[in-house]
Amino acid sequence: MQYKVVRHSPKQNIRQLAVGAMALVICLLIGFASGQWFGKEAIFENGALIKQLTVTTDENQQLQKQLVAAELASNVQEQAARELRAQLSGVLSEKAELEEAVSFYRDLMEVGSEAEGLRVADLALFSTGTPSVYQFSVLITQVAENRKYVGGDVTIKVIGLKDEQRQTITFSQDNAVVGYPLKFRFRYFQDLIGQLKLPDGFRPERVSIDVRQRNKPPISADFEWLVQQA
């Protein structure tokens, strides 16, 4: 067996360790520098993203405010349009009522070819909240060249069927709720209002009205039973 003698040099070992340590430090420094650079890049990118997010959030809030304002303006315009339509409808209804009133008073004041005397101009019937109780309104006018005060009384009769038998119900103290007796005194016209209760099971068909003036023959008028909702 042969042995080879190797010369040991402590300086060489120290030199190798120093070189290895220096290489390790350089690697660490390079890694640290790279980490710092990438960190700064990430921070810068995060800052840019945060700024962009802030701008986008502000724009979104502005758009939401504009949307709310637009919806509010639209609602206000719709409400204004509804109010204008309602006002227009009211004005047209009032105009129609005024035209009807003017026509009525014109006919009332003009004698024309009609015979002078009293006449039943209109009958209105209304339902009430009580079953079989109805409200009526009888308009009596006077046609005359020189109108003077007239007076008298009115009789109302309701003709209909009960148990398939024709019956006549006269407005009297027994079935009157309000308005009895019906007496008039006027110069141009008068509206007589009252309420009557009809018997259960009675089916009204028409109404007969008699107007009796003092010292004059009575006048009569017939109307169909047409009830309006009060």
Protein backbone atom coordinates (compact mmCIF):
# COMPACT_ATOMS: atom_id res chain seq x y z
CA MET A 1 0.00 0.00 0.00
CA GLN A 2 1.26 3.45 -0.94
CA TYR A 3 0.30 6.70 0.75
CA LYS A 4 0.24 10.10 -0.89
CA VAL A 5 1.14 12.99 1.23
CA VAL A 6 -1.10 16.08 0.66
CA ARG A 7 0.09 19.37 1.86
CA HIS A 8 -2.44 21.22 4.01
CA SER A 9 -2.61 24.99 3.54
CA PRO A 10 -4.74 26.93 6.10
CA LYS A 11 -4.54 30.12 4.07
CA GLN A 12 -6.11 28.46 1.10
CA ASN A 13 -9.04 27.28 3.19
CA ILE A 14 -9.55 30.75 4.60
CA ARG A 15 -9.44 32.21 1.12
CA GLN A 16 -12.09 29.76 -0.10
CA LEU A 17 -14.33 30.53 2.86
CA ALA A 18 -13.95 34.25 2.25
CA VAL A 19 -14.81 33.84 -1.42
CA GLY A 20 -17.86 31.74 -0.50
CA ALA A 21 -18.99 34.25 2.08
CA MET A 22 -18.52 37.11 -0.35
CA ALA A 23 -20.53 35.24 -2.97
CA LEU A 24 -23.27 34.61 -0.43
CA VAL A 25 -23.31 38.29 0.57
CA ILE A 26 -23.45 39.34 -3.07
CA CYS A 27 -26.37 36.97 -3.65
CA LEU A 28 -28.14 38.34 -0.62
CA LEU A 29 -27.53 41.89 -1.73
CA ILE A 30 -28.78 41.11 -5.22
CA GLY A 31 -31.83 39.38 -3.77
CA PHE A 32 -32.50 42.28 -1.40
CA ALA A 33 -32.13 44.81 -4.21
CA SER A 34 -34.40 42.79 -6.44
CA GLY A 35 -36.97 42.45 -3.66
CA GLN A 36 -36.84 46.18 -3.00
CA TRP A 37 -37.24 46.95 -6.69
CA PHE A 38 -40.18 44.59 -7.10
CA GLY A 39 -41.65 45.92 -3.85
CA LYS A 40 -41.41 49.49 -5.07
CA GLU A 41 -42.98 48.46 -8.36
CA ALA A 42 -45.83 46.77 -6.48
CA ILE A 43 -46.30 49.80 -4.22
CA PHE A 44 -46.31 52.12 -7.22
CA GLU A 45 -48.78 49.87 -9.04
CA ASN A 46 -50.98 49.66 -5.94
CA GLY A 47 -50.91 53.44 -5.63
CA ALA A 48 -51.94 53.81 -9.26
CA LEU A 49 -54.73 51.27 -8.80
CA ILE A 50 -55.94 53.04 -5.64
CA LYS A 51 -55.96 56.38 -7.47
CA GLN A 52 -57.83 54.84 -10.39
CA LEU A 53 -60.31 53.21 -7.97
CA THR A 54 -60.86 56.57 -6.26
CA VAL A 55 -61.50 58.27 -9.60
CA THR A 56 -63.84 55.50 -10.69
CA THR A 57 -65.70 55.64 -7.36
CA ASP A 58 -66.11 59.43 -7.68
CA GLU A 59 -67.38 59.04 -11.24
CA ASN A 60 -69.79 56.33 -10.10
CA GLN A 61 -71.11 58.58 -7.33
CA GLN A 62 -71.54 61.44 -9.79
CA LEU A 63 -73.41 59.14 -12.17
CA GLN A 64 -75.65 57.93 -9.32
CA LYS A 65 -76.39 61.55 -8.36
CA GLN A 66 -77.20 62.37 -11.98
CA LEU A 67 -79.43 59.29 -12.20
CA VAL A 68 -81.30 60.27 -9.02
CA ALA A 69 -81.68 63.83 -10.30
CA ALA A 70 -82.95 62.56 -13.66
CA GLU A 71 -85.45 60.21 -11.98
CA LEU A 72 -86.60 63.02 -9.69
CA ALA A 73 -87.02 65.39 -12.64
CA SER A 74 -88.93 62.70 -14.53
CA ASN A 75 -91.21 62.07 -11.54
CA VAL A 76 -91.77 65.80 -11.08
CA GLN A 77 -92.64 66.17 -14.77
CA GLU A 78 -95.01 63.19 -14.62
CA GLN A 79 -96.65 64.59 -11.47
CA ALA A 80 -96.95 68.00 -13.10
CA ALA A 81 -98.45 66.41 -16.21
CA ARG A 82 -100.99 64.51 -14.09
CA GLU A 83 -101.91 67.68 -12.21
CA LEU A 84 -102.28 69.60 -15.46
CA ARG A 85 -104.49 66.85 -16.90
CA ALA A 86 -106.60 66.87 -13.74
CA GLN A 87 -106.87 70.67 -13.84
CA LEU A 88 -107.80 70.57 -17.52
CA SER A 89 -110.44 67.93 -16.84
CA GLY A 90 -111.80 70.03 -13.98
CA VAL A 91 -111.87 73.16 -16.15
CA LEU A 92 -113.66 71.30 -18.94
CA SER A 93 -116.19 69.86 -16.49
CA GLU A 94 -116.73 73.28 -14.95
CA LYS A 95 -117.11 74.76 -18.44
CA ALA A 96 -119.71 72.13 -19.33
CA GLU A 97 -121.59 72.80 -16.08
CA LEU A 98 -121.50 76.55 -16.69
CA GLU A 99 -122.72 76.12 -20.25
CA GLU A 100 -125.52 73.90 -18.99
CA ALA A 101 -126.42 76.45 -16.32
CA VAL A 102 -126.38 79.31 -18.87
CA SER A 103 -128.58 77.28 -21.19
CA PHE A 104 -130.95 76.50 -18.33
CA TYR A 105 -131.28 80.13 -17.23
CA ARG A 106 -131.64 81.29 -20.81
CA ASP A 107 -134.47 78.83 -21.35
CA LEU A 108 -135.90 79.85 -18.02
CA MET A 109 -135.99 83.53 -18.88
CA GLU A 110 -137.19 83.15 -22.46
CA VAL A 111 -140.86 82.43 -22.82
CA GLY A 112 -140.75 81.46 -26.49
CA SER A 113 -143.67 79.52 -27.88
CA GLU A 114 -144.40 77.58 -24.68
CA ALA A 115 -147.65 78.13 -22.88
CA GLU A 116 -147.34 80.22 -19.77
CA GLY A 117 -147.58 78.53 -16.40
CA LEU A 118 -145.74 76.04 -14.21
CA ARG A 119 -143.83 73.05 -15.48
CA VAL A 120 -141.78 70.20 -13.98
CA ALA A 121 -138.37 70.79 -15.55
CA ASP A 122 -136.48 67.82 -14.10
CA LEU A 123 -136.52 64.90 -11.66
CA ALA A 124 -133.35 63.41 -10.16
CA LEU A 125 -133.28 60.22 -8.07
CA PHE A 126 -130.37 59.17 -5.85
CA SER A 127 -129.62 56.07 -3.81
CA THR A 128 -128.73 56.45 -0.14
CA GLY A 129 -126.84 54.35 2.32
CA THR A 130 -130.10 52.90 3.64
CA PRO A 131 -131.79 50.07 1.73
CA SER A 132 -135.08 51.03 0.00
CA VAL A 133 -134.57 54.72 0.90
CA TYR A 134 -134.16 57.09 -2.05
CA GLN A 135 -133.59 60.81 -2.33
CA PHE A 136 -135.35 62.86 -4.98
CA SER A 137 -135.03 66.36 -6.37
CA VAL A 138 -137.92 67.95 -8.28
CA LEU A 139 -137.22 71.14 -10.24
CA ILE A 140 -140.28 73.31 -10.90
CA THR A 141 -140.09 76.41 -13.10
CA GLN A 142 -142.48 79.14 -14.19
CA VAL A 143 -142.92 80.20 -17.79
CA ALA A 144 -144.43 83.68 -17.96
CA GLU A 145 -143.86 87.04 -19.55
CA ASN A 146 -144.26 88.81 -16.23
CA ARG A 147 -143.32 86.42 -13.47
CA LYS A 148 -145.05 86.74 -10.14
CA TYR A 149 -144.68 84.68 -7.02
CA VAL A 150 -146.62 81.44 -7.17
CA GLY A 151 -147.29 78.85 -4.49
CA GLY A 152 -148.82 75.44 -4.04
CA ASP A 153 -147.94 71.83 -3.28
CA VAL A 154 -146.50 68.81 -5.10
CA THR A 155 -147.60 65.18 -5.02
CA ILE A 156 -145.18 62.41 -5.95
CA LYS A 157 -146.34 58.91 -6.85
CA VAL A 158 -144.07 55.93 -7.53
CA ILE A 159 -145.60 53.25 -9.76
CA GLY A 160 -144.13 49.74 -9.73
CA LEU A 161 -144.66 46.05 -8.98
CA LYS A 162 -144.81 44.04 -5.81
CA ASP A 163 -145.61 40.34 -5.82
CA GLU A 164 -146.34 40.74 -9.55
CA GLN A 165 -149.12 43.21 -8.69
CA ARG A 166 -148.99 46.82 -9.87
CA GLN A 167 -148.99 49.26 -6.98
CA THR A 168 -148.73 53.00 -6.52
CA ILE A 169 -146.79 54.43 -3.57
CA THR A 170 -147.62 58.06 -2.78
CA PHE A 171 -145.05 60.19 -0.97
CA SER A 172 -146.75 60.83 2.36
CA GLN A 173 -146.10 61.27 6.04
CA ASP A 174 -146.03 57.47 6.48
CA ASN A 175 -143.11 56.79 4.12
CA ALA A 176 -141.36 60.19 4.11
CA VAL A 177 -137.92 60.31 5.69
CA VAL A 178 -137.46 64.06 5.11
CA GLY A 179 -139.12 66.70 2.96
CA TYR A 180 -142.81 66.14 3.61
CA PRO A 181 -145.02 67.99 2.81
CA LEU A 182 -143.77 69.28 -0.53
CA LYS A 183 -144.83 72.91 -0.82
CA PHE A 184 -143.41 75.54 -3.15
CA ARG A 185 -143.31 79.30 -3.40
CA PHE A 186 -141.08 80.98 -5.96
CA ARG A 187 -140.91 83.49 -8.77
CA TYR A 188 -138.60 81.82 -11.27
CA PHE A 189 -137.87 78.26 -10.12
CA GLN A 190 -137.55 76.05 -7.03
CA ASP A 191 -135.85 72.73 -6.29
CA LEU A 192 -137.82 70.50 -3.90
CA ILE A 193 -135.79 67.82 -2.13
CA GLY A 194 -136.95 64.90 -0.02
CA GLN A 195 -136.40 61.24 0.85
CA LEU A 196 -138.91 58.40 0.81
CA LYS A 197 -138.80 54.77 1.85
CA LEU A 198 -140.31 52.17 -0.45
CA PRO A 199 -141.78 48.88 0.82
CA ASP A 200 -139.55 45.80 0.81
CA GLY A 201 -139.90 43.84 -2.41
CA PHE A 202 -141.32 46.81 -4.31
CA ARG A 203 -139.80 47.32 -7.79
CA PRO A 204 -140.31 50.93 -8.96
CA GLU A 205 -140.75 51.61 -12.68
CA ARG A 206 -141.74 55.26 -13.08
CA VAL A 207 -142.62 58.42 -11.15
CA SER A 208 -145.70 60.62 -11.59
CA ILE A 209 -145.59 64.22 -10.34
CA ASP A 210 -148.59 66.49 -9.86
CA VAL A 211 -148.11 70.22 -9.23
CA ARG A 212 -151.10 72.06 -7.81
CA GLN A 213 -151.12 75.83 -7.81
CA ARG A 214 -153.73 77.82 -5.93
CA ASN A 215 -156.70 78.64 -8.09
CA LYS A 216 -155.13 76.90 -11.11
CA PRO A 217 -155.64 73.48 -12.70
CA PRO A 218 -152.88 70.97 -11.74
CA ILE A 219 -150.08 70.01 -14.12
CA SER A 220 -148.57 66.53 -14.34
CA ALA A 221 -145.32 64.99 -15.54
CA ASP A 222 -144.09 61.39 -15.77
CA PHE A 223 -140.48 60.23 -15.46
CA GLU A 224 -138.77 56.90 -15.76
CA TRP A 225 -137.29 55.51 -12.53
CA LEU A 226 -133.57 56.09 -13.04
CA VAL A 227 -131.47 56.12 -9.87
CA GLN A 228 -128.06 57.82 -9.72
CA GLN A 229 -125.32 57.00 -7.24
CA ALA A 230 -125.16 59.75 -4.62
